[in-house]
N, C-alpha and C. Protein backbone atom coordinates (compact mmCIF):
# COMPACT_ATOMS: atom_id res chain seq x y z
N UNK A 1 -10.70 1.81 -22.25
CA UNK A 1 -10.61 1.83 -20.65
C UNK A 1 -11.53 2.39 -19.58
N UNK A 2 -11.40 1.44 -18.45
CA UNK A 2 -12.42 2.37 -17.69
C UNK A 2 -12.24 3.78 -17.19
N UNK A 3 -12.99 4.74 -16.61
CA UNK A 3 -12.24 5.60 -15.98
C UNK A 3 -13.35 5.76 -14.72
N UNK A 4 -12.68 5.90 -13.32
CA UNK A 4 -12.86 6.27 -12.49
C UNK A 4 -12.58 7.69 -11.73
N UNK A 5 -13.44 8.62 -11.44
CA UNK A 5 -13.66 9.27 -10.94
C UNK A 5 -14.26 9.82 -10.07
N UNK A 6 -14.39 9.47 -8.99
CA UNK A 6 -15.15 9.72 -7.71
C UNK A 6 -15.00 9.78 -5.82
N UNK A 7 -15.55 10.68 -5.51
CA UNK A 7 -15.14 10.82 -3.57
C UNK A 7 -16.49 10.32 -3.09
N UNK A 8 -16.52 10.02 -2.37
CA UNK A 8 -17.77 9.65 -1.56
C UNK A 8 -17.50 10.63 -0.27
N UNK A 9 -18.95 10.95 -0.10
CA UNK A 9 -19.04 11.86 0.99
C UNK A 9 -19.13 11.52 2.37
N UNK A 10 -18.96 10.29 2.67
CA UNK A 10 -19.30 9.60 3.67
C UNK A 10 -17.81 8.90 3.42
N UNK A 11 -17.23 8.31 4.85
CA UNK A 11 -16.39 6.93 4.52
C UNK A 11 -17.17 6.04 4.21
N UNK A 12 -16.62 5.31 3.08
CA UNK A 12 -17.03 3.84 3.09
C UNK A 12 -16.03 3.02 3.61
N UNK A 13 -17.19 1.74 4.80
CA UNK A 13 -16.47 0.96 5.68
C UNK A 13 -15.36 -0.19 4.71
N UNK A 14 -14.39 -0.51 5.16
CA UNK A 14 -13.51 -1.27 4.32
C UNK A 14 -13.73 -2.62 4.81
N UNK A 15 -14.10 -3.53 3.96
CA UNK A 15 -14.54 -5.11 3.61
C UNK A 15 -13.09 -5.49 3.62
N UNK A 16 -13.33 -7.23 3.42
CA UNK A 16 -11.98 -7.76 3.01
C UNK A 16 -11.79 -7.70 1.72
N UNK A 17 -10.29 -7.13 1.38
CA UNK A 17 -9.69 -6.71 0.51
C UNK A 17 -9.13 -7.89 -0.28
N UNK A 18 -9.49 -8.42 -1.50
CA UNK A 18 -9.06 -9.53 -2.31
C UNK A 18 -7.55 -9.09 -2.59
N UNK A 19 -6.18 -9.75 -2.22
CA UNK A 19 -4.92 -9.27 -2.29
C UNK A 19 -4.66 -10.52 -3.64
N UNK A 20 -4.93 -11.46 -3.59
CA UNK A 20 -4.65 -12.78 -4.70
C UNK A 20 -5.52 -13.54 -4.59
N UNK A 21 -5.70 -14.32 -5.74
CA UNK A 21 -7.36 -15.72 -5.84
C UNK A 21 -7.92 -15.84 -4.56
N UNK A 22 -7.07 -16.43 -3.69
CA UNK A 22 -7.74 -17.32 -2.64
C UNK A 22 -7.00 -16.64 -1.26
N UNK A 23 -7.08 -14.87 -1.72
CA UNK A 23 -6.17 -14.46 0.01
C UNK A 23 -6.97 -13.07 0.06
N UNK A 24 -8.08 -12.74 1.01
CA UNK A 24 -8.78 -11.61 1.36
C UNK A 24 -7.85 -11.27 2.32
N UNK A 25 -7.76 -9.67 2.69
CA UNK A 25 -7.38 -9.39 3.87
C UNK A 25 -8.11 -7.83 4.14
N UNK A 26 -8.02 -7.95 5.92
CA UNK A 26 -8.76 -6.93 5.88
C UNK A 26 -8.28 -6.08 6.92
N UNK A 27 -7.55 -4.52 6.87
CA UNK A 27 -7.18 -3.78 7.08
C UNK A 27 -7.08 -4.04 8.74
N UNK A 28 -6.17 -3.39 8.90
CA UNK A 28 -5.95 -3.07 10.75
C UNK A 28 -6.30 -2.47 11.20
N UNK A 29 -5.89 -1.67 12.47
CA UNK A 29 -6.81 -0.12 12.89
C UNK A 29 -5.67 0.72 12.84
N UNK A 30 -5.95 1.84 12.66
CA UNK A 30 -5.02 3.12 11.79
C UNK A 30 -3.98 2.95 13.01
N UNK A 31 -4.20 2.90 14.33
CA UNK A 31 -3.22 3.19 15.30
C UNK A 31 -2.11 1.83 15.42
N UNK A 32 -2.43 1.00 14.73
CA UNK A 32 -1.28 -0.08 14.70
C UNK A 32 -0.30 0.17 14.26
N UNK A 33 -0.08 0.93 13.29
CA UNK A 33 1.11 1.26 13.18
C UNK A 33 1.82 1.87 14.32
N UNK A 34 1.37 2.01 15.06
CA UNK A 34 2.30 2.80 16.52
C UNK A 34 2.93 3.83 16.43
N UNK A 35 2.72 4.58 15.56
CA UNK A 35 3.83 5.96 15.31
C UNK A 35 3.20 7.13 13.88
N UNK A 36 3.56 8.04 14.06
CA UNK A 36 3.22 8.97 13.22
C UNK A 36 4.06 8.73 12.23
N UNK A 37 3.57 9.21 10.90
CA UNK A 37 4.59 9.33 9.52
C UNK A 37 4.54 10.43 8.75
N UNK A 38 5.49 11.00 8.02
CA UNK A 38 5.47 12.19 7.16
C UNK A 38 6.53 11.38 6.01
N UNK A 39 5.58 10.92 4.92
CA UNK A 39 7.10 10.40 3.96
C UNK A 39 6.57 11.08 2.73
N UNK A 40 7.79 11.05 2.00
CA UNK A 40 7.38 11.49 0.52
C UNK A 40 7.67 10.13 -0.65
N UNK A 41 7.32 9.73 -1.52
CA UNK A 41 7.87 8.33 -2.07
C UNK A 41 8.04 8.88 -3.83
N UNK A 42 8.60 8.19 -4.33
CA UNK A 42 9.02 8.48 -6.02
C UNK A 42 8.59 6.89 -6.18
N UNK A 43 7.54 6.17 -6.81
CA UNK A 43 7.51 5.28 -7.81
C UNK A 43 7.15 4.60 -8.73
N UNK A 44 7.43 3.41 -9.45
CA UNK A 44 7.16 2.71 -10.59
C UNK A 44 6.55 1.91 -10.69
N UNK A 45 5.16 1.90 -11.24
CA UNK A 45 4.55 0.59 -11.05
C UNK A 45 4.84 0.12 -12.41
N UNK A 46 5.00 -0.72 -12.21
CA UNK A 46 5.15 -1.72 -13.36
C UNK A 46 3.68 -3.18 -13.70
N UNK A 47 3.71 -2.84 -14.89
CA UNK A 47 2.13 -3.70 -14.97
C UNK A 47 2.38 -4.45 -16.78
N UNK A 48 3.14 -5.68 -16.64
CA UNK A 48 2.98 -6.03 -17.92
C UNK A 48 4.42 -5.63 -18.11
N UNK A 49 4.35 -4.53 -19.80
CA UNK A 49 5.30 -4.17 -20.83
C UNK A 49 5.06 -2.71 -19.89
N UNK A 50 4.62 -2.10 -19.49
CA UNK A 50 4.12 -0.85 -18.60
C UNK A 50 4.51 -0.63 -17.98
N UNK A 51 4.91 0.71 -17.68
CA UNK A 51 5.56 1.53 -16.48
C UNK A 51 4.82 2.81 -16.41
N UNK A 52 4.63 2.95 -14.61
CA UNK A 52 4.22 4.00 -14.57
C UNK A 52 4.72 5.04 -13.61
N UNK A 53 5.15 5.98 -13.74
CA UNK A 53 5.97 6.78 -12.44
C UNK A 53 4.78 7.58 -11.66
N UNK A 54 4.85 7.77 -10.72
CA UNK A 54 4.38 9.09 -9.64
C UNK A 54 5.01 8.93 -8.69
N UNK A 55 4.83 10.35 -7.88
CA UNK A 55 4.73 10.66 -6.75
C UNK A 55 4.15 10.31 -5.84
N UNK A 56 4.33 9.64 -4.52
CA UNK A 56 2.91 9.47 -3.46
C UNK A 56 3.62 10.30 -1.95
N UNK A 57 2.72 10.78 -1.40
CA UNK A 57 2.79 11.70 -0.29
C UNK A 57 1.83 11.10 0.82
N UNK A 58 2.65 11.00 2.13
CA UNK A 58 1.63 10.06 3.19
C UNK A 58 1.98 10.52 4.54
N UNK A 59 0.85 10.76 4.94
CA UNK A 59 0.51 11.22 5.78
C UNK A 59 0.22 10.32 6.92
N UNK A 60 0.77 9.88 7.77
CA UNK A 60 -0.46 8.88 9.17
C UNK A 60 -0.24 9.14 10.59
N UNK A 61 -0.94 9.31 11.28
CA UNK A 61 -1.83 9.86 12.69
C UNK A 61 -2.33 8.41 12.80
N UNK A 62 -2.56 8.26 14.56
CA UNK A 62 -3.86 7.27 14.99
C UNK A 62 -4.84 7.96 14.29
N UNK A 63 -5.37 8.63 13.94
CA UNK A 63 -6.82 9.63 13.61
C UNK A 63 -6.84 9.29 11.94
N UNK A 64 -5.82 9.30 11.59
CA UNK A 64 -5.94 9.15 10.04
C UNK A 64 -5.02 9.09 9.05
N UNK A 65 -5.07 8.48 8.03
CA UNK A 65 -3.75 8.32 6.94
C UNK A 65 -4.09 8.87 5.71
N UNK A 66 -3.20 9.46 5.42
CA UNK A 66 -3.62 10.38 4.03
C UNK A 66 -2.48 10.33 2.79
N UNK A 67 -2.70 9.37 1.59
CA UNK A 67 -2.03 9.16 0.70
C UNK A 67 -2.53 9.76 -0.59
N UNK A 68 -1.29 10.88 -1.26
CA UNK A 68 -2.07 11.84 -2.46
C UNK A 68 -0.74 11.50 -3.76
N UNK A 69 -1.33 11.04 -4.96
CA UNK A 69 -0.44 10.62 -5.83
C UNK A 69 -0.43 11.50 -7.12
N UNK A 70 0.63 11.67 -7.32
CA UNK A 70 0.78 12.72 -8.33
C UNK A 70 1.41 12.42 -9.64
N UNK A 71 1.19 12.97 -10.72
CA UNK A 71 1.67 12.49 -12.43
C UNK A 71 2.92 13.21 -12.19
N UNK A 72 3.66 12.38 -13.48
CA UNK A 72 4.85 13.32 -13.09
C UNK A 72 4.69 15.18 -13.76
N UNK A 73 3.65 15.23 -14.11
CA UNK A 73 3.37 16.44 -14.31
C UNK A 73 3.24 17.57 -12.75
N UNK A 74 3.15 16.66 -12.06
CA UNK A 74 2.47 17.55 -10.26
C UNK A 74 1.19 17.30 -10.27
N UNK A 75 0.18 16.89 -11.44
CA UNK A 75 -1.21 16.54 -11.38
C UNK A 75 -1.69 15.79 -10.35
N UNK A 76 -2.72 16.09 -9.33
CA UNK A 76 -3.39 15.16 -8.20
C UNK A 76 -3.84 13.81 -9.24
N UNK A 77 -3.58 12.58 -9.21
CA UNK A 77 -3.68 11.47 -9.85
C UNK A 77 -5.12 10.86 -9.25
N UNK A 78 -4.64 10.72 -7.58
CA UNK A 78 -5.72 9.92 -6.62
C UNK A 78 -5.69 10.45 -4.87
N UNK A 79 -5.94 10.54 -4.47
CA UNK A 79 -6.14 10.78 -2.79
C UNK A 79 -7.13 9.89 -2.31
N UNK A 80 -6.40 9.22 -0.92
CA UNK A 80 -7.12 8.44 -0.31
C UNK A 80 -6.90 8.84 1.44
N UNK A 81 -8.39 9.14 1.87
CA UNK A 81 -8.06 9.49 3.35
C UNK A 81 -8.31 8.17 4.02
N UNK A 82 -8.07 7.70 4.92
CA UNK A 82 -8.41 6.55 6.18
C UNK A 82 -8.24 6.68 7.05
N UNK A 83 -10.22 6.60 7.90
CA UNK A 83 -10.32 7.24 9.37
C UNK A 83 -10.76 5.71 9.21
N UNK A 84 -10.85 6.00 11.08
CA UNK A 84 -11.39 5.01 11.65
C UNK A 84 -13.39 4.80 11.23
N UNK A 85 -13.62 5.45 10.39
CA UNK A 85 -14.70 5.54 9.84
C UNK A 85 -15.12 5.01 8.24
N UNK A 86 -13.91 4.80 8.26
CA UNK A 86 -13.70 4.13 6.51
C UNK A 86 -12.94 4.69 5.57
N UNK A 87 -12.88 4.80 4.65
CA UNK A 87 -12.18 5.03 3.62
C UNK A 87 -12.72 6.20 2.17
N UNK A 88 -12.53 7.27 2.09
CA UNK A 88 -12.91 8.08 0.50
C UNK A 88 -11.44 7.72 -0.01
N UNK A 89 -11.94 8.17 -1.26
CA UNK A 89 -11.59 8.29 -2.30
C UNK A 89 -12.02 9.05 -3.41
N UNK A 90 -10.64 9.47 -3.94
CA UNK A 90 -10.89 10.41 -5.47
C UNK A 90 -9.90 10.43 -6.57
N UNK A 91 -10.08 10.00 -7.69
CA UNK A 91 -9.13 10.06 -8.66
C UNK A 91 -9.37 10.80 -9.51
N UNK A 92 -8.28 11.36 -10.75
CA UNK A 92 -8.50 12.05 -11.84
C UNK A 92 -8.83 11.30 -12.68
N UNK A 93 -9.64 11.80 -13.59
CA UNK A 93 -10.75 11.19 -14.93
C UNK A 93 -9.71 10.13 -15.73
N UNK A 94 -8.49 9.89 -15.55
CA UNK A 94 -8.02 9.27 -16.29
C UNK A 94 -6.95 7.68 -15.54
N UNK A 95 -7.23 7.99 -13.82
CA UNK A 95 -6.92 6.90 -13.33
C UNK A 95 -8.19 5.49 -13.64
N UNK A 96 -7.41 4.53 -14.36
CA UNK A 96 -8.10 3.25 -14.55
C UNK A 96 -9.14 2.62 -13.27
N UNK A 97 -10.06 1.66 -13.54
CA UNK A 97 -10.80 1.55 -12.16
C UNK A 97 -10.27 0.71 -11.31
N UNK A 98 -9.47 0.23 -12.02
CA UNK A 98 -8.39 -1.28 -11.77
C UNK A 98 -7.90 -0.65 -10.49
N UNK A 99 -7.52 0.80 -10.28
CA UNK A 99 -6.37 0.87 -9.28
C UNK A 99 -7.36 0.86 -8.06
N UNK A 100 -7.68 0.14 -7.75
CA UNK A 100 -8.80 0.12 -5.96
C UNK A 100 -8.32 0.76 -4.82
N UNK A 101 -8.35 1.63 -4.36
CA UNK A 101 -8.01 2.55 -2.96
C UNK A 101 -8.06 1.58 -1.97
N UNK A 102 -8.71 0.36 -1.52
CA UNK A 102 -8.08 -0.82 -0.59
C UNK A 102 -6.92 -1.54 -1.20
N UNK A 103 -6.88 -1.85 -2.09
CA UNK A 103 -5.71 -2.44 -2.43
C UNK A 103 -4.87 -1.76 -2.52
N UNK A 104 -4.56 -0.60 -2.49
CA UNK A 104 -3.47 0.58 -2.40
C UNK A 104 -3.37 0.48 -1.03
N UNK A 105 -3.61 0.43 -0.08
CA UNK A 105 -4.20 0.57 1.31
C UNK A 105 -3.73 -0.82 2.00
N UNK A 106 -4.28 -1.84 1.20
CA UNK A 106 -3.40 -3.38 2.01
C UNK A 106 -2.21 -2.98 1.68
N UNK A 107 -1.21 -2.82 0.58
CA UNK A 107 -0.32 -3.03 0.00
C UNK A 107 0.80 -1.91 0.86
N UNK A 108 0.57 -0.76 0.91
CA UNK A 108 1.00 0.04 2.08
C UNK A 108 1.40 -0.73 3.42
N UNK A 109 0.57 -1.02 4.02
CA UNK A 109 0.10 -1.62 5.19
C UNK A 109 1.17 -3.14 5.22
N UNK A 110 1.06 -3.60 4.38
CA UNK A 110 1.67 -5.19 3.90
C UNK A 110 3.35 -4.31 4.32
N UNK A 111 3.48 -3.57 3.64
CA UNK A 111 4.74 -3.17 3.32
C UNK A 111 5.71 -2.55 4.55
N UNK A 112 4.59 -1.39 5.25
CA UNK A 112 5.04 -0.85 5.89
C UNK A 112 5.01 -0.87 7.73
N UNK A 113 4.03 -1.64 7.63
CA UNK A 113 3.28 -1.65 8.91
C UNK A 113 4.14 -2.66 9.69
N UNK A 114 3.99 -2.42 11.25
CA UNK A 114 5.44 -3.14 12.33
C UNK A 114 4.87 -4.80 11.48
N UNK A 115 6.09 -5.95 11.71
CA UNK A 115 5.69 -7.22 11.06
C UNK A 115 4.68 -7.73 12.30
N UNK A 116 4.59 -7.63 13.46
CA UNK A 116 3.31 -8.55 14.35
C UNK A 116 2.15 -8.15 13.59
N UNK A 117 1.85 -6.85 13.10
CA UNK A 117 0.55 -6.53 12.90
C UNK A 117 0.28 -6.98 11.41
N UNK A 118 1.30 -7.08 10.68
CA UNK A 118 0.98 -8.07 9.31
C UNK A 118 0.94 -9.27 9.88
N UNK A 119 1.82 -10.03 10.57
CA UNK A 119 1.51 -11.25 10.56
C UNK A 119 -0.08 -11.86 11.30
N UNK A 120 -0.70 -11.12 12.03
CA UNK A 120 -1.86 -11.18 12.71
C UNK A 120 -3.01 -11.13 11.36
N UNK A 121 -2.41 -10.07 10.99
CA UNK A 121 -3.88 -10.19 9.51
C UNK A 121 -3.73 -11.06 8.78
N UNK A 122 -2.44 -11.59 7.90
CA UNK A 122 -2.40 -12.37 7.66
C UNK A 122 -2.87 -14.07 8.74
N UNK A 123 -2.84 -14.75 9.93
CA UNK A 123 -2.71 -15.45 10.07
C UNK A 123 -4.43 -15.65 10.29
N UNK A 124 -5.38 -14.23 10.59
CA UNK A 124 -6.52 -14.61 10.63
C UNK A 124 -7.18 -14.62 8.99
N UNK A 125 -6.23 -14.85 8.06
CA UNK A 125 -7.12 -14.77 6.55
C UNK A 125 -6.35 -16.18 6.10
N UNK A 126 -5.58 -17.08 6.75
CA UNK A 126 -5.22 -18.45 6.68
C UNK A 126 -3.88 -18.41 5.88
N UNK A 127 -2.81 -17.13 5.98
CA UNK A 127 -1.96 -16.86 5.29
C UNK A 127 -0.52 -17.01 6.35
N UNK A 128 0.58 -17.12 5.95
CA UNK A 128 1.74 -16.70 6.58
C UNK A 128 2.29 -15.44 5.91
N UNK A 129 3.25 -14.92 6.93
CA UNK A 129 4.37 -14.22 6.53
C UNK A 129 5.75 -14.97 6.89
N UNK A 130 6.66 -14.56 5.81
CA UNK A 130 8.04 -15.18 5.82
C UNK A 130 8.94 -14.10 5.86
N UNK A 131 9.74 -13.33 6.95
CA UNK A 131 10.47 -12.33 7.12
C UNK A 131 11.91 -12.57 7.15
N UNK A 132 12.85 -11.60 6.67
CA UNK A 132 14.27 -11.73 7.20
C UNK A 132 14.42 -10.52 7.53
N UNK A 133 15.94 -10.03 7.78
CA UNK A 133 16.04 -8.62 7.96
C UNK A 133 15.52 -7.40 6.94
N UNK A 134 15.63 -7.78 5.59
CA UNK A 134 15.49 -6.96 4.46
C UNK A 134 14.34 -7.76 3.13
N UNK A 135 13.46 -8.42 3.87
CA UNK A 135 12.58 -8.67 3.28
C UNK A 135 11.28 -9.28 3.80
N UNK A 136 10.02 -9.41 3.11
CA UNK A 136 9.07 -9.96 3.42
C UNK A 136 8.20 -10.75 2.36
N UNK A 137 7.63 -11.88 2.76
CA UNK A 137 7.44 -12.78 1.78
C UNK A 137 5.90 -13.41 2.32
N UNK A 138 4.68 -13.25 1.33
CA UNK A 138 3.66 -14.11 2.22
C UNK A 138 2.88 -15.11 1.63
N UNK A 139 3.03 -16.07 2.19
CA UNK A 139 2.45 -17.20 1.29
C UNK A 139 1.04 -17.69 1.53
N UNK A 140 0.13 -17.87 0.56
CA UNK A 140 -1.25 -18.26 0.94
C UNK A 140 -0.97 -19.78 0.04
N UNK A 141 -1.66 -20.93 0.43
CA UNK A 141 -2.00 -21.92 0.13
C UNK A 141 -0.64 -22.70 -0.30
N UNK A 142 -0.06 -22.23 0.88
CA UNK A 142 1.36 -22.66 0.29
C UNK A 142 2.12 -22.15 -0.66
N UNK A 143 1.69 -21.28 -1.27
CA UNK A 143 2.94 -20.60 -2.37
C UNK A 143 2.71 -18.80 -2.28
N UNK A 144 3.86 -18.59 -2.44
CA UNK A 144 4.64 -17.39 -2.22
C UNK A 144 3.70 -16.23 -3.41
N UNK A 145 2.59 -15.44 -2.86
CA UNK A 145 1.50 -14.38 -3.31
C UNK A 145 2.65 -13.14 -3.47
N UNK A 146 3.16 -12.74 -2.55
CA UNK A 146 3.57 -11.60 -2.75
C UNK A 146 5.16 -11.65 -1.82
N UNK A 147 5.56 -10.17 -2.14
CA UNK A 147 7.38 -10.22 -1.60
C UNK A 147 8.03 -9.03 -1.81
N UNK A 148 8.84 -8.66 -0.71
CA UNK A 148 9.12 -7.27 -0.63
C UNK A 148 10.34 -7.53 -0.28
N UNK A 149 11.72 -6.46 -1.34
CA UNK A 149 12.91 -6.63 -0.81
C UNK A 149 13.12 -5.09 -0.22
N UNK A 150 13.54 -4.80 0.50
CA UNK A 150 14.26 -3.82 1.39
C UNK A 150 15.47 -3.29 1.18
N UNK A 151 16.04 -1.85 0.83
CA UNK A 151 17.22 -1.50 0.89
C UNK A 151 17.11 -0.48 1.90
N UNK A 152 16.76 -0.64 2.88
CA UNK A 152 16.92 0.92 3.32
C UNK A 152 18.00 1.79 3.94
N UNK A 153 18.23 2.90 3.61
CA UNK A 153 19.60 3.47 3.93
C UNK A 153 20.24 3.26 5.42
N UNK A 154 19.60 3.54 6.60
CA UNK A 154 20.47 3.03 7.73
C UNK A 154 19.24 2.35 8.57
N UNK A 155 20.07 0.91 9.43
CA UNK A 155 18.57 0.76 10.62
C UNK A 155 18.06 -0.25 9.56
N UNK A 156 17.16 -0.41 10.14
CA UNK A 156 16.05 -1.21 9.33
C UNK A 156 15.03 -1.01 8.76
N UNK A 157 14.45 0.61 9.49
CA UNK A 157 13.33 1.44 8.57
C UNK A 157 13.15 0.98 7.58
N UNK A 158 12.11 0.96 6.74
CA UNK A 158 11.19 0.61 5.52
C UNK A 158 11.20 2.17 5.13
N UNK A 159 10.95 3.08 6.10
CA UNK A 159 10.54 4.67 5.66
C UNK A 159 11.27 5.67 4.93
N UNK A 160 12.57 4.82 5.04
CA UNK A 160 13.90 5.87 4.39
C UNK A 160 15.02 4.78 3.68
N UNK A 161 14.10 4.98 2.00
CA UNK A 161 15.11 4.03 1.34
C UNK A 161 14.63 3.53 0.49
N UNK A 162 15.17 2.27 -0.51
CA UNK A 162 14.76 1.71 -1.76
C UNK A 162 13.83 0.23 -1.10
N UNK A 163 12.54 0.14 -1.79
CA UNK A 163 12.16 -1.19 -1.68
C UNK A 163 11.83 -1.87 -3.00
N UNK A 164 11.66 -3.12 -3.52
CA UNK A 164 10.72 -3.75 -4.34
C UNK A 164 10.09 -4.52 -4.08
N UNK A 165 8.74 -4.52 -4.54
CA UNK A 165 7.38 -5.53 -3.91
C UNK A 165 7.08 -5.80 -5.48
N UNK A 166 7.09 -7.15 -5.31
CA UNK A 166 5.75 -7.82 -6.39
C UNK A 166 4.53 -8.26 -6.45
N UNK A 167 3.54 -8.15 -6.46
CA UNK A 167 2.24 -8.94 -6.47
C UNK A 167 2.53 -9.92 -7.56
N UNK A 168 3.09 -11.30 -6.94
CA UNK A 168 2.77 -12.10 -7.79
C UNK A 168 1.63 -12.96 -8.68
N UNK A 169 1.00 -12.86 -7.42
CA UNK A 169 -0.87 -13.29 -7.70
C UNK A 169 -1.33 -12.24 -9.14
N UNK A 170 -1.44 -11.17 -8.99
CA UNK A 170 -1.98 -10.23 -10.14
C UNK A 170 -1.08 -9.77 -10.82
N UNK A 171 0.16 -9.99 -10.85
CA UNK A 171 1.10 -9.99 -11.85
C UNK A 171 1.86 -8.14 -12.26
N UNK A 172 1.86 -7.85 -11.26
CA UNK A 172 2.25 -6.02 -11.18
C UNK A 172 3.48 -6.21 -10.05
N UNK A 173 4.48 -5.04 -9.94
CA UNK A 173 5.51 -4.90 -9.17
C UNK A 173 5.79 -3.18 -9.12
N UNK A 174 5.80 -2.96 -8.05
CA UNK A 174 6.31 -1.61 -7.46
C UNK A 174 7.88 -1.21 -7.22
N UNK A 175 8.79 -0.63 -7.24
CA UNK A 175 10.12 0.41 -7.01
C UNK A 175 9.56 1.34 -6.41
N UNK A 176 9.95 1.46 -5.43
CA UNK A 176 9.50 2.75 -4.45
C UNK A 176 10.45 2.65 -3.67
N UNK A 177 10.47 4.44 -3.63
CA UNK A 177 12.08 5.24 -2.98
C UNK A 177 10.99 6.12 -2.03
N UNK A 178 11.39 5.73 -0.70
CA UNK A 178 10.99 6.54 0.13
C UNK A 178 11.97 7.36 0.91
N UNK A 179 11.65 8.69 1.25
CA UNK A 179 12.27 9.26 2.08
C UNK A 179 11.21 9.74 3.58
N UNK A 180 11.22 9.37 4.73
CA UNK A 180 10.47 10.01 5.52
C UNK A 180 11.07 11.73 6.27
N UNK A 181 9.49 12.41 5.61
CA UNK A 181 10.22 13.43 5.55
C UNK A 181 9.92 13.95 7.52
N UNK A 182 9.43 13.60 8.51
CA UNK A 182 9.02 13.51 9.97
C UNK A 182 8.48 12.38 10.35
N UNK A 183 9.75 12.12 11.39
CA UNK A 183 9.24 11.03 12.13
C UNK A 183 8.19 11.46 13.15
């Protein structure tokens, strides 16, 4: 298994991110989220027959997005800092290099950013968003490549509740339970 343990001293600009074989997306601006968020998450990532539980802590402001991932023993797995200047990433030595910070950020944006922001990202890339009260589905080339099903605790906010996310193009899924700790 390849190992990635890097931390850039200067933020690296974010180029378009390949999220499916025929779909690359460019991250929106940080302030497109439209609000401040502090949230804690319990996640289980599923890759084939393997499952990987971890905890995530998210902090978003118009100036900076920070995600810290912790393993079940409380050790820091990864840290992603996204600012207008780019992305800084550090990872524990046991984190595989297939876990790319840009893809993690795009997944978070697709799941939690406002629908109009996500739709605009997708239109620029030639893809479409189909959404319902509790779901988002991304289509590229007429095929569904990603799907999210939400179970919010109250209202329609995805920031408190459960969701199941499948990246059908790359064959992984995430079960996420999120609690907004400070709106």
